[in-house]
Amino acid sequence: MSGSGDHQERDPFAPIEASPRFATPLALLAAASGVAAAVTGLAAVLGPVGMGLGLIAHVKGSRLGMPATVLAGLGMIVGFSIILYLR
C-alpha cells in the first residue's frame, strides 16, 4: 500500500449517500408514465421507461423512487391487460 494511512476502502454494496436534489421530478415522471401506460395503448414503451426513471430516482436518494417504480410496473401490467382484453 502507498503512504495514505487514513484511506479506507469503500464497500461497493453500501448505499450511496446521494442528494435527492433532482430525484423527485424523476419519480413524478415515473409515476406519470405508469399512469399513462395504463390509460394509453403504449404500455410496452411507457411502463419500462417509468420503471427505469423510478429506479434512477431511488438510487439518487428520493423516497418516492421505489413507490413510483412499483406504480409504473402496475400501470404496465394494467395496460397490457386492457390491451389483451380488447383484442
C-alpha atoms as a PDB file:
ATOM      1  CA  MET A   1       0.000   0.000   0.000  1.00  0.00           C
ATOM      2  CA  SER A   2       1.132   3.511  -0.616  1.00  0.00           C
ATOM      3  CA  GLY A   3       1.615   6.072   2.134  1.00  0.00           C
ATOM      4  CA  SER A   4      -2.042   7.068   2.730  1.00  0.00           C
ATOM      5  CA  GLY A   5      -2.798   5.661   6.172  1.00  0.00           C
ATOM      6  CA  ASP A   6      -6.218   7.359   6.516  1.00  0.00           C
ATOM      7  CA  HIS A   7      -7.585   5.887   3.280  1.00  0.00           C
ATOM      8  CA  GLN A   8     -10.343   3.341   3.905  1.00  0.00           C
ATOM      9  CA  GLU A   9     -11.725   1.180   1.157  1.00  0.00           C
ATOM     10  CA  ARG A  10     -15.383   1.759   0.392  1.00  0.00           C
ATOM     11  CA  ASP A  11     -17.786  -1.169   0.391  1.00  0.00           C
ATOM     12  CA  PRO A  12     -19.151  -1.384  -3.197  1.00  0.00           C
ATOM     13  CA  PHE A  13     -22.511  -2.664  -1.939  1.00  0.00           C
ATOM     14  CA  ALA A  14     -23.057   0.050   0.663  1.00  0.00           C
ATOM     15  CA  PRO A  15     -25.844   2.570  -0.052  1.00  0.00           C
ATOM     16  CA  ILE A  16     -24.729   5.727  -1.783  1.00  0.00           C
ATOM     17  CA  GLU A  17     -25.119   8.950   0.161  1.00  0.00           C
ATOM     18  CA  ALA A  18     -26.854  10.978  -2.518  1.00  0.00           C
ATOM     19  CA  SER A  19     -28.640  14.260  -2.562  1.00  0.00           C
ATOM     20  CA  PRO A  20     -32.284  13.955  -3.668  1.00  0.00           C
ATOM     21  CA  ARG A  21     -31.988  17.338  -5.368  1.00  0.00           C
ATOM     22  CA  PHE A  22     -33.104  16.230  -8.843  1.00  0.00           C
ATOM     23  CA  ALA A  23     -34.605  12.876  -7.876  1.00  0.00           C
ATOM     24  CA  THR A  24     -38.184  13.931  -7.068  1.00  0.00           C
ATOM     25  CA  PRO A  25     -39.027  15.130 -10.616  1.00  0.00           C
ATOM     26  CA  LEU A  26     -37.767  11.784 -11.922  1.00  0.00           C
ATOM     27  CA  ALA A  27     -40.051   9.955  -9.501  1.00  0.00           C
ATOM     28  CA  LEU A  28     -43.005  12.090 -10.585  1.00  0.00           C
ATOM     29  CA  LEU A  29     -42.234  11.394 -14.246  1.00  0.00           C
ATOM     30  CA  ALA A  30     -42.069   7.681 -13.460  1.00  0.00           C
ATOM     31  CA  ALA A  31     -45.460   7.758 -11.747  1.00  0.00           C
ATOM     32  CA  ALA A  32     -46.978   9.758 -14.617  1.00  0.00           C
ATOM     33  CA  SER A  33     -45.636   7.323 -17.206  1.00  0.00           C
ATOM     34  CA  GLY A  34     -47.063   4.416 -15.213  1.00  0.00           C
ATOM     35  CA  VAL A  35     -50.494   6.002 -15.253  1.00  0.00           C
ATOM     36  CA  ALA A  36     -50.120   6.820 -18.947  1.00  0.00           C
ATOM     37  CA  ALA A  37     -49.125   3.210 -19.628  1.00  0.00           C
ATOM     38  CA  ALA A  38     -52.393   2.040 -18.083  1.00  0.00           C
ATOM     39  CA  VAL A  39     -54.551   4.583 -19.915  1.00  0.00           C
ATOM     40  CA  THR A  40     -52.982   4.625 -23.394  1.00  0.00           C
ATOM     41  CA  GLY A  41     -52.037   1.732 -25.611  1.00  0.00           C
ATOM     42  CA  LEU A  42     -48.322   2.353 -25.090  1.00  0.00           C
ATOM     43  CA  ALA A  43     -47.792   0.047 -22.098  1.00  0.00           C
ATOM     44  CA  ALA A  44     -44.839  -1.689 -23.750  1.00  0.00           C
ATOM     45  CA  VAL A  45     -42.965   1.611 -24.001  1.00  0.00           C
ATOM     46  CA  LEU A  46     -44.123   3.753 -21.085  1.00  0.00           C
ATOM     47  CA  GLY A  47     -44.047   1.007 -18.436  1.00  0.00           C
ATOM     48  CA  PRO A  48     -40.321   0.187 -18.701  1.00  0.00           C
ATOM     49  CA  VAL A  49     -39.443   3.880 -19.130  1.00  0.00           C
ATOM     50  CA  GLY A  50     -41.329   4.713 -15.929  1.00  0.00           C
ATOM     51  CA  MET A  51     -39.717   1.840 -14.062  1.00  0.00           C
ATOM     52  CA  GLY A  52     -36.269   2.981 -15.189  1.00  0.00           C
ATOM     53  CA  LEU A  53     -36.915   6.572 -14.122  1.00  0.00           C
ATOM     54  CA  GLY A  54     -38.224   5.387 -10.762  1.00  0.00           C
ATOM     55  CA  LEU A  55     -35.131   3.281 -10.146  1.00  0.00           C
ATOM     56  CA  ILE A  56     -32.869   6.179 -11.075  1.00  0.00           C
ATOM     57  CA  ALA A  57     -34.775   8.407  -8.642  1.00  0.00           C
ATOM     58  CA  HIS A  58     -34.455   5.743  -5.943  1.00  0.00           C
ATOM     59  CA  VAL A  59     -30.697   5.451  -6.456  1.00  0.00           C
ATOM     60  CA  LYS A  60     -30.362   9.249  -6.339  1.00  0.00           C
ATOM     61  CA  GLY A  61     -32.000   9.256  -2.919  1.00  0.00           C
ATOM     62  CA  SER A  62     -35.663  10.102  -3.481  1.00  0.00           C
ATOM     63  CA  ARG A  63     -38.038   8.440  -1.052  1.00  0.00           C
ATOM     64  CA  LEU A  64     -40.655   8.422  -3.828  1.00  0.00           C
ATOM     65  CA  GLY A  65     -38.446   6.500  -6.261  1.00  0.00           C
ATOM     66  CA  MET A  66     -39.381   2.952  -5.310  1.00  0.00           C
ATOM     67  CA  PRO A  67     -43.150   3.602  -4.981  1.00  0.00           C
ATOM     68  CA  ALA A  68     -43.059   5.294  -8.398  1.00  0.00           C
ATOM     69  CA  THR A  69     -41.265   2.250  -9.827  1.00  0.00           C
ATOM     70  CA  VAL A  70     -43.936  -0.055  -8.431  1.00  0.00           C
ATOM     71  CA  LEU A  71     -46.694   2.218  -9.745  1.00  0.00           C
ATOM     72  CA  ALA A  72     -45.127   2.211 -13.218  1.00  0.00           C
ATOM     73  CA  GLY A  73     -44.898  -1.585 -13.134  1.00  0.00           C
ATOM     74  CA  LEU A  74     -48.523  -1.914 -12.070  1.00  0.00           C
ATOM     75  CA  GLY A  75     -49.541   0.568 -14.759  1.00  0.00           C
ATOM     76  CA  MET A  76     -47.716  -1.539 -17.326  1.00  0.00           C
ATOM     77  CA  ILE A  77     -49.495  -4.694 -16.146  1.00  0.00           C
ATOM     78  CA  VAL A  78     -52.897  -2.984 -16.215  1.00  0.00           C
ATOM     79  CA  GLY A  79     -52.129  -1.530 -19.658  1.00  0.00           C
ATOM     80  CA  PHE A  80     -51.166  -4.930 -21.058  1.00  0.00           C
ATOM     81  CA  SER A  81     -54.290  -6.466 -19.506  1.00  0.00           C
ATOM     82  CA  ILE A  82     -56.522  -3.870 -21.124  1.00  0.00           C
ATOM     83  CA  ILE A  83     -54.798  -4.325 -24.493  1.00  0.00           C
ATOM     84  CA  LEU A  84     -55.192  -8.105 -24.344  1.00  0.00           C
ATOM     85  CA  TYR A  85     -58.804  -7.849 -23.173  1.00  0.00           C
ATOM     86  CA  LEU A  86     -59.814  -5.527 -26.023  1.00  0.00           C
ATOM     87  CA  ARG A  87     -58.372  -7.786 -28.736  1.00  0.00           C
END
